[in-house]
Amino acid sequence: MHIVIMGCGRVGSTLAHTLVDLGHSVAVIDQDPEAFRRLRTAVAKHTVRGAGHDREVLLNAGIDRAAAFAAVSNGDNSNIIAARVAREAFGVRNVVARIYDPRRAEVYQRLGIPTVATVRWTADAILRRVVPGDDRLGAAPEWQDASGSLTMNELTPPERWTGRSLAELEDDFRLRVVYLVRQGRIALARSEETIAEGDVLHVVGRSRDMADLTQRLAGRHEDETGRG
């Protein structure tokens, strides 16, 4: 599979090396020729100097036969423009853009361009590991579909939920538990499973239901069973 990467910084070069190691062909675009020095010789066989939103540059990188395009330069505008050109002009199905401003990321996802908002996702993940179980943090978004209507969240259950079944939790909050992490081990969720202290749940649901869950976790009107 051929993949085009725009941006040869730390993220872009890491992506390129990993994809080549997995057996894929890769072309890397960057405006700074010095950036290509990050690449191993085997990976640097197909590099293109230029702007990633320029059609001629993209064609030189093999965008017309690419199965995926990743825009990971250090410019939000450049990334999203290049991603849209790859998707709309060349019909590349798998497109992702790295976005530094999380407010822009949410807007662009609604336009159908999957994004990774580096600062927001990293900050959320760190917060939930240094203060696990803090209800004020709510549920951490791990993934969101292009329309913004469906999300997958990481959730650390409050102590009062210990002993409740996953089925009960799913019914109460209109979500599905996909998998859980217990004592460092990952397991697919079973509806009859009960929540144990220290569990971390990964749940999928509608965005509005996730927002309701966050409010209920932060509220003070739940009884000890966790019901509203």
Foldseek 3Di string as FASTA:
>chain_A
DEEEEEALDPVRQVVLVVCVVVPYQYEYEEQDPVSLVSHDPVSSPHYFHDQLLDPVRCVSRVLLPHQEYEYEHPDQVSQLNSQCCSCPVRNRDHYEYEHQDVVVQLVQLLVVHHYHRPVQLVVLVVVCVVDPQPLLSAWAFPDAHSNRFKTKTKHRDHPLQFFPFQLVVCVQLVKHFQWKADPNDIDGHDRRDGDHHPMITIIMDTPVSSVVRSCLSPDDPADSNSHD
